[in-house]
Amino acid sequence: MRILKATLLVCLCFFTYIQVQAHALWIETATYGKLGTAHDVKVFYGEFALNERDAPENGTRM
């Protein structure tokens, strides 16, 4: 009975792991700047490691 429970738990965890996906937020900005002056800052949502950026949904402002 313990083996059956353990096997079912492992299978449940494995199939849950396959379906889970996560995205990341990251910020890109210039490496230099002057105090008191504006510069561009870009915020991205997607997969950083693959350099894939997702488009925001309609109505989402960034």
PDB file of N, CA and C in Angstrom:
ATOM      1  N   MET A   1       0.815  -1.195   0.000  1.00  0.00           N
ATOM      2  CA  MET A   1       0.000   0.000   0.000  1.00  0.00           C
ATOM      3  C   MET A   1       0.864   1.266   0.000  1.00  0.00           C
ATOM      4  N   ARG A   2       1.966   1.235   0.758  1.00  0.00           N
ATOM      5  CA  ARG A   2       2.861   2.386   0.796  1.00  0.00           C
ATOM      6  C   ARG A   2       3.495   2.628  -0.564  1.00  0.00           C
ATOM      7  N   ILE A   3       3.821   1.549  -1.269  1.00  0.00           N
ATOM      8  CA  ILE A   3       4.438   1.681  -2.591  1.00  0.00           C
ATOM      9  C   ILE A   3       3.448   2.290  -3.574  1.00  0.00           C
ATOM     10  N   LEU A   4       2.200   1.886  -3.491  1.00  0.00           N
ATOM     11  CA  LEU A   4       1.173   2.429  -4.373  1.00  0.00           C
ATOM     12  C   LEU A   4       0.975   3.919  -4.114  1.00  0.00           C
ATOM     13  N   LYS A   5       0.903   4.332  -2.859  1.00  0.00           N
ATOM     14  CA  LYS A   5       0.752   5.748  -2.519  1.00  0.00           C
ATOM     15  C   LYS A   5       1.956   6.561  -2.999  1.00  0.00           C
ATOM     16  N   ALA A   6       3.134   6.015  -2.784  1.00  0.00           N
ATOM     17  CA  ALA A   6       4.346   6.720  -3.210  1.00  0.00           C
ATOM     18  C   ALA A   6       4.399   6.848  -4.724  1.00  0.00           C
ATOM     19  N   THR A   7       4.019   5.810  -5.436  1.00  0.00           N
ATOM     20  CA  THR A   7       4.009   5.832  -6.897  1.00  0.00           C
ATOM     21  C   THR A   7       2.999   6.851  -7.415  1.00  0.00           C
ATOM     22  N   LEU A   8       1.819   6.870  -6.844  1.00  0.00           N
ATOM     23  CA  LEU A   8       0.807   7.844  -7.251  1.00  0.00           C
ATOM     24  C   LEU A   8       1.257   9.272  -6.962  1.00  0.00           C
ATOM     25  N   LEU A   9       1.898   9.490  -5.833  1.00  0.00           N
ATOM     26  CA  LEU A   9       2.402  10.818  -5.493  1.00  0.00           C
ATOM     27  C   LEU A   9       3.482  11.271  -6.481  1.00  0.00           C
ATOM     28  N   VAL A  10       4.378  10.381  -6.825  1.00  0.00           N
ATOM     29  CA  VAL A  10       5.439  10.709  -7.786  1.00  0.00           C
ATOM     30  C   VAL A  10       4.832  11.036  -9.150  1.00  0.00           C
ATOM     31  N   CYS A  11       3.867  10.242  -9.584  1.00  0.00           N
ATOM     32  CA  CYS A  11       3.205  10.492 -10.874  1.00  0.00           C
ATOM     33  C   CYS A  11       2.480  11.829 -10.862  1.00  0.00           C
ATOM     34  N   LEU A  12       1.778  12.140  -9.791  1.00  0.00           N
ATOM     35  CA  LEU A  12       1.073  13.408  -9.677  1.00  0.00           C
ATOM     36  C   LEU A  12       2.048  14.576  -9.723  1.00  0.00           C
ATOM     37  N   CYS A  13       3.133  14.469  -8.997  1.00  0.00           N
ATOM     38  CA  CYS A  13       4.145  15.536  -9.008  1.00  0.00           C
ATOM     39  C   CYS A  13       4.778  15.686 -10.382  1.00  0.00           C
ATOM     40  N   PHE A  14       5.036  14.580 -11.049  1.00  0.00           N
ATOM     41  CA  PHE A  14       5.659  14.628 -12.370  1.00  0.00           C
ATOM     42  C   PHE A  14       4.743  15.305 -13.380  1.00  0.00           C
ATOM     43  N   PHE A  15       3.478  14.928 -13.400  1.00  0.00           N
ATOM     44  CA  PHE A  15       2.552  15.511 -14.372  1.00  0.00           C
ATOM     45  C   PHE A  15       2.233  16.969 -14.046  1.00  0.00           C
ATOM     46  N   THR A  16       2.252  17.329 -12.787  1.00  0.00           N
ATOM     47  CA  THR A  16       2.074  18.728 -12.411  1.00  0.00           C
ATOM     48  C   THR A  16       3.284  19.538 -12.858  1.00  0.00           C
ATOM     49  N   TYR A  17       4.462  18.985 -12.713  1.00  0.00           N
ATOM     50  CA  TYR A  17       5.690  19.667 -13.109  1.00  0.00           C
ATOM     51  C   TYR A  17       5.709  19.933 -14.610  1.00  0.00           C
ATOM     52  N   ILE A  18       5.221  19.023 -15.411  1.00  0.00           N
ATOM     53  CA  ILE A  18       5.217  19.180 -16.866  1.00  0.00           C
ATOM     54  C   ILE A  18       4.335  20.352 -17.283  1.00  0.00           C
ATOM     55  N   GLN A  19       3.217  20.560 -16.599  1.00  0.00           N
ATOM     56  CA  GLN A  19       2.254  21.571 -17.001  1.00  0.00           C
ATOM     57  C   GLN A  19       2.552  22.954 -16.432  1.00  0.00           C
ATOM     58  N   VAL A  20       3.467  23.074 -15.506  1.00  0.00           N
ATOM     59  CA  VAL A  20       3.765  24.356 -14.876  1.00  0.00           C
ATOM     60  C   VAL A  20       4.728  25.139 -15.758  1.00  0.00           C
ATOM     61  N   GLN A  21       4.396  26.405 -15.971  1.00  0.00           N
ATOM     62  CA  GLN A  21       5.273  27.282 -16.730  1.00  0.00           C
ATOM     63  C   GLN A  21       5.386  28.603 -15.969  1.00  0.00           C
ATOM     64  N   ALA A  22       6.533  29.197 -16.044  1.00  0.00           N
ATOM     65  CA  ALA A  22       6.734  30.475 -15.375  1.00  0.00           C
ATOM     66  C   ALA A  22       7.365  31.467 -16.341  1.00  0.00           C
ATOM     67  N   HIS A  23       7.042  32.710 -16.160  1.00  0.00           N
ATOM     68  CA  HIS A  23       7.627  33.782 -16.941  1.00  0.00           C
ATOM     69  C   HIS A  23       8.370  34.710 -15.994  1.00  0.00           C
ATOM     70  N   ALA A  24       9.101  35.616 -16.561  1.00  0.00           N
ATOM     71  CA  ALA A  24       9.893  36.526 -15.749  1.00  0.00           C
ATOM     72  C   ALA A  24       9.669  37.961 -16.209  1.00  0.00           C
ATOM     73  N   LEU A  25       9.864  38.876 -15.296  1.00  0.00           N
ATOM     74  CA  LEU A  25       9.918  40.300 -15.612  1.00  0.00           C
ATOM     75  C   LEU A  25      11.376  40.720 -15.517  1.00  0.00           C
ATOM     76  N   TRP A  26      11.825  41.491 -16.495  1.00  0.00           N
ATOM     77  CA  TRP A  26      13.175  42.025 -16.388  1.00  0.00           C
ATOM     78  C   TRP A  26      13.217  43.437 -16.926  1.00  0.00           C
ATOM     79  N   ILE A  27      14.178  44.189 -16.440  1.00  0.00           N
ATOM     80  CA  ILE A  27      14.321  45.608 -16.764  1.00  0.00           C
ATOM     81  C   ILE A  27      15.619  45.804 -17.523  1.00  0.00           C
ATOM     82  N   GLU A  28      15.529  46.565 -18.613  1.00  0.00           N
ATOM     83  CA  GLU A  28      16.725  46.943 -19.363  1.00  0.00           C
ATOM     84  C   GLU A  28      16.823  48.461 -19.372  1.00  0.00           C
ATOM     85  N   THR A  29      18.011  48.956 -19.121  1.00  0.00           N
ATOM     86  CA  THR A  29      18.265  50.391 -19.136  1.00  0.00           C
ATOM     87  C   THR A  29      19.717  50.619 -19.555  1.00  0.00           C
ATOM     88  N   ALA A  30      20.048  51.844 -19.831  1.00  0.00           N
ATOM     89  CA  ALA A  30      21.424  52.175 -20.219  1.00  0.00           C
ATOM     90  C   ALA A  30      22.359  51.948 -19.039  1.00  0.00           C
ATOM     91  N   THR A  31      23.599  51.640 -19.336  1.00  0.00           N
ATOM     92  CA  THR A  31      24.573  51.399 -18.271  1.00  0.00           C
ATOM     93  C   THR A  31      25.185  52.690 -17.745  1.00  0.00           C
ATOM     94  N   TYR A  32      24.844  53.795 -18.359  1.00  0.00           N
ATOM     95  CA  TYR A  32      25.366  55.082 -17.919  1.00  0.00           C
ATOM     96  C   TYR A  32      24.207  56.075 -17.833  1.00  0.00           C
ATOM     97  N   GLY A  33      24.409  57.150 -17.133  1.00  0.00           N
ATOM     98  CA  GLY A  33      23.395  58.193 -17.013  1.00  0.00           C
ATOM     99  C   GLY A  33      23.917  59.321 -16.162  1.00  0.00           C
ATOM    100  N   LYS A  34      23.179  60.416 -16.190  1.00  0.00           N
ATOM    101  CA  LYS A  34      23.560  61.573 -15.391  1.00  0.00           C
ATOM    102  C   LYS A  34      22.490  61.811 -14.341  1.00  0.00           C
ATOM    103  N   LEU A  35      22.911  62.201 -13.187  1.00  0.00           N
ATOM    104  CA  LEU A  35      22.009  62.483 -12.089  1.00  0.00           C
ATOM    105  C   LEU A  35      21.088  63.647 -12.461  1.00  0.00           C
ATOM    106  N   GLY A  36      19.800  63.437 -12.297  1.00  0.00           N
ATOM    107  CA  GLY A  36      18.825  64.499 -12.565  1.00  0.00           C
ATOM    108  C   GLY A  36      18.321  64.552 -13.995  1.00  0.00           C
ATOM    109  N   THR A  37      18.787  63.671 -14.881  1.00  0.00           N
ATOM    110  CA  THR A  37      18.300  63.648 -16.258  1.00  0.00           C
ATOM    111  C   THR A  37      17.543  62.349 -16.504  1.00  0.00           C
ATOM    112  N   ALA A  38      16.572  62.430 -17.398  1.00  0.00           N
ATOM    113  CA  ALA A  38      15.748  61.256 -17.709  1.00  0.00           C
ATOM    114  C   ALA A  38      16.479  60.336 -18.687  1.00  0.00           C
ATOM    115  N   HIS A  39      16.208  59.048 -18.589  1.00  0.00           N
ATOM    116  CA  HIS A  39      16.702  58.087 -19.565  1.00  0.00           C
ATOM    117  C   HIS A  39      15.668  56.979 -19.722  1.00  0.00           C
ATOM    118  N   ASP A  40      15.777  56.218 -20.792  1.00  0.00           N
ATOM    119  CA  ASP A  40      14.801  55.176 -21.110  1.00  0.00           C
ATOM    120  C   ASP A  40      15.000  53.951 -20.229  1.00  0.00           C
ATOM    121  N   VAL A  41      13.882  53.415 -19.755  1.00  0.00           N
ATOM    122  CA  VAL A  41      13.862  52.173 -19.000  1.00  0.00           C
ATOM    123  C   VAL A  41      12.804  51.289 -19.651  1.00  0.00           C
ATOM    124  N   LYS A  42      13.179  50.062 -19.994  1.00  0.00           N
ATOM    125  CA  LYS A  42      12.255  49.134 -20.642  1.00  0.00           C
ATOM    126  C   LYS A  42      11.998  47.950 -19.719  1.00  0.00           C
ATOM    127  N   VAL A  43      10.718  47.596 -19.567  1.00  0.00           N
ATOM    128  CA  VAL A  43      10.324  46.452 -18.745  1.00  0.00           C
ATOM    129  C   VAL A  43       9.756  45.401 -19.682  1.00  0.00           C
ATOM    130  N   PHE A  44      10.268  44.175 -19.588  1.00  0.00           N
ATOM    131  CA  PHE A  44       9.844  43.089 -20.460  1.00  0.00           C
ATOM    132  C   PHE A  44       9.257  41.952 -19.643  1.00  0.00           C
ATOM    133  N   TYR A  45       8.363  41.213 -20.276  1.00  0.00           N
ATOM    134  CA  TYR A  45       7.726  40.042 -19.679  1.00  0.00           C
ATOM    135  C   TYR A  45       7.897  38.893 -20.655  1.00  0.00           C
ATOM    136  N   GLY A  46       8.400  37.775 -20.213  1.00  0.00           N
ATOM    137  CA  GLY A  46       8.588  36.625 -21.099  1.00  0.00           C
ATOM    138  C   GLY A  46       9.645  35.684 -20.553  1.00  0.00           C
ATOM    139  N   GLU A  47      10.339  35.027 -21.469  1.00  0.00           N
ATOM    140  CA  GLU A  47      11.400  34.081 -21.125  1.00  0.00           C
ATOM    141  C   GLU A  47      12.750  34.757 -21.364  1.00  0.00           C
ATOM    142  N   PHE A  48      13.406  35.174 -20.284  1.00  0.00           N
ATOM    143  CA  PHE A  48      14.660  35.899 -20.400  1.00  0.00           C
ATOM    144  C   PHE A  48      15.756  35.053 -21.041  1.00  0.00           C
ATOM    145  N   ALA A  49      15.871  33.802 -20.636  1.00  0.00           N
ATOM    146  CA  ALA A  49      16.950  32.942 -21.123  1.00  0.00           C
ATOM    147  C   ALA A  49      16.856  32.707 -22.623  1.00  0.00           C
ATOM    148  N   LEU A  50      15.639  32.692 -23.162  1.00  0.00           N
ATOM    149  CA  LEU A  50      15.441  32.469 -24.594  1.00  0.00           C
ATOM    150  C   LEU A  50      15.257  33.765 -25.363  1.00  0.00           C
ATOM    151  N   ASN A  51      15.290  34.893 -24.661  1.00  0.00           N
ATOM    152  CA  ASN A  51      15.078  36.218 -25.237  1.00  0.00           C
ATOM    153  C   ASN A  51      13.735  36.294 -25.968  1.00  0.00           C
ATOM    154  N   GLU A  52      12.710  35.667 -25.396  1.00  0.00           N
ATOM    155  CA  GLU A  52      11.360  35.713 -25.945  1.00  0.00           C
ATOM    156  C   GLU A  52      10.541  36.679 -25.117  1.00  0.00           C
ATOM    157  N   ARG A  53       9.988  37.675 -25.769  1.00  0.00           N
ATOM    158  CA  ARG A  53       9.197  38.688 -25.083  1.00  0.00           C
ATOM    159  C   ARG A  53       7.738  38.528 -25.466  1.00  0.00           C
ATOM    160  N   ASP A  54       6.870  38.451 -24.461  1.00  0.00           N
ATOM    161  CA  ASP A  54       5.434  38.336 -24.697  1.00  0.00           C
ATOM    162  C   ASP A  54       4.825  39.725 -24.798  1.00  0.00           C
ATOM    163  N   ALA A  55       3.857  39.868 -25.699  1.00  0.00           N
ATOM    164  CA  ALA A  55       3.151  41.129 -25.829  1.00  0.00           C
ATOM    165  C   ALA A  55       2.121  41.240 -24.711  1.00  0.00           C
ATOM    166  N   PRO A  56       1.963  42.427 -24.133  1.00  0.00           N
ATOM    167  CA  PRO A  56       0.944  42.581 -23.091  1.00  0.00           C
ATOM    168  C   PRO A  56      -0.454  42.450 -23.692  1.00  0.00           C
ATOM    169  N   GLU A  57      -1.391  41.985 -22.885  1.00  0.00           N
ATOM    170  CA  GLU A  57      -2.763  41.835 -23.339  1.00  0.00           C
ATOM    171  C   GLU A  57      -3.414  43.207 -23.528  1.00  0.00           C
ATOM    172  N   ASN A  58      -4.498  43.249 -24.263  1.00  0.00           N
ATOM    173  CA  ASN A  58      -5.222  44.503 -24.460  1.00  0.00           C
ATOM    174  C   ASN A  58      -5.650  45.068 -23.112  1.00  0.00           C
ATOM    175  N   GLY A  59      -5.488  46.356 -22.962  1.00  0.00           N
ATOM    176  CA  GLY A  59      -5.872  47.005 -21.713  1.00  0.00           C
ATOM    177  C   GLY A  59      -4.769  47.041 -20.686  1.00  0.00           C
ATOM    178  N   THR A  60      -3.665  46.371 -20.927  1.00  0.00           N
ATOM    179  CA  THR A  60      -2.552  46.374 -19.980  1.00  0.00           C
ATOM    180  C   THR A  60      -1.610  47.513 -20.318  1.00  0.00           C
ATOM    181  N   ARG A  61      -1.313  48.320 -19.329  1.00  0.00           N
ATOM    182  CA  ARG A  61      -0.384  49.427 -19.546  1.00  0.00           C
ATOM    183  C   ARG A  61       0.883  49.159 -18.760  1.00  0.00           C
ATOM    184  N   MET A  62       1.986  49.484 -19.354  1.00  0.00           N
ATOM    185  CA  MET A  62       3.271  49.312 -18.693  1.00  0.00           C
ATOM    186  C   MET A  62       3.998  50.628 -18.659  1.00  0.00           C
TER     187      MET A  62
END
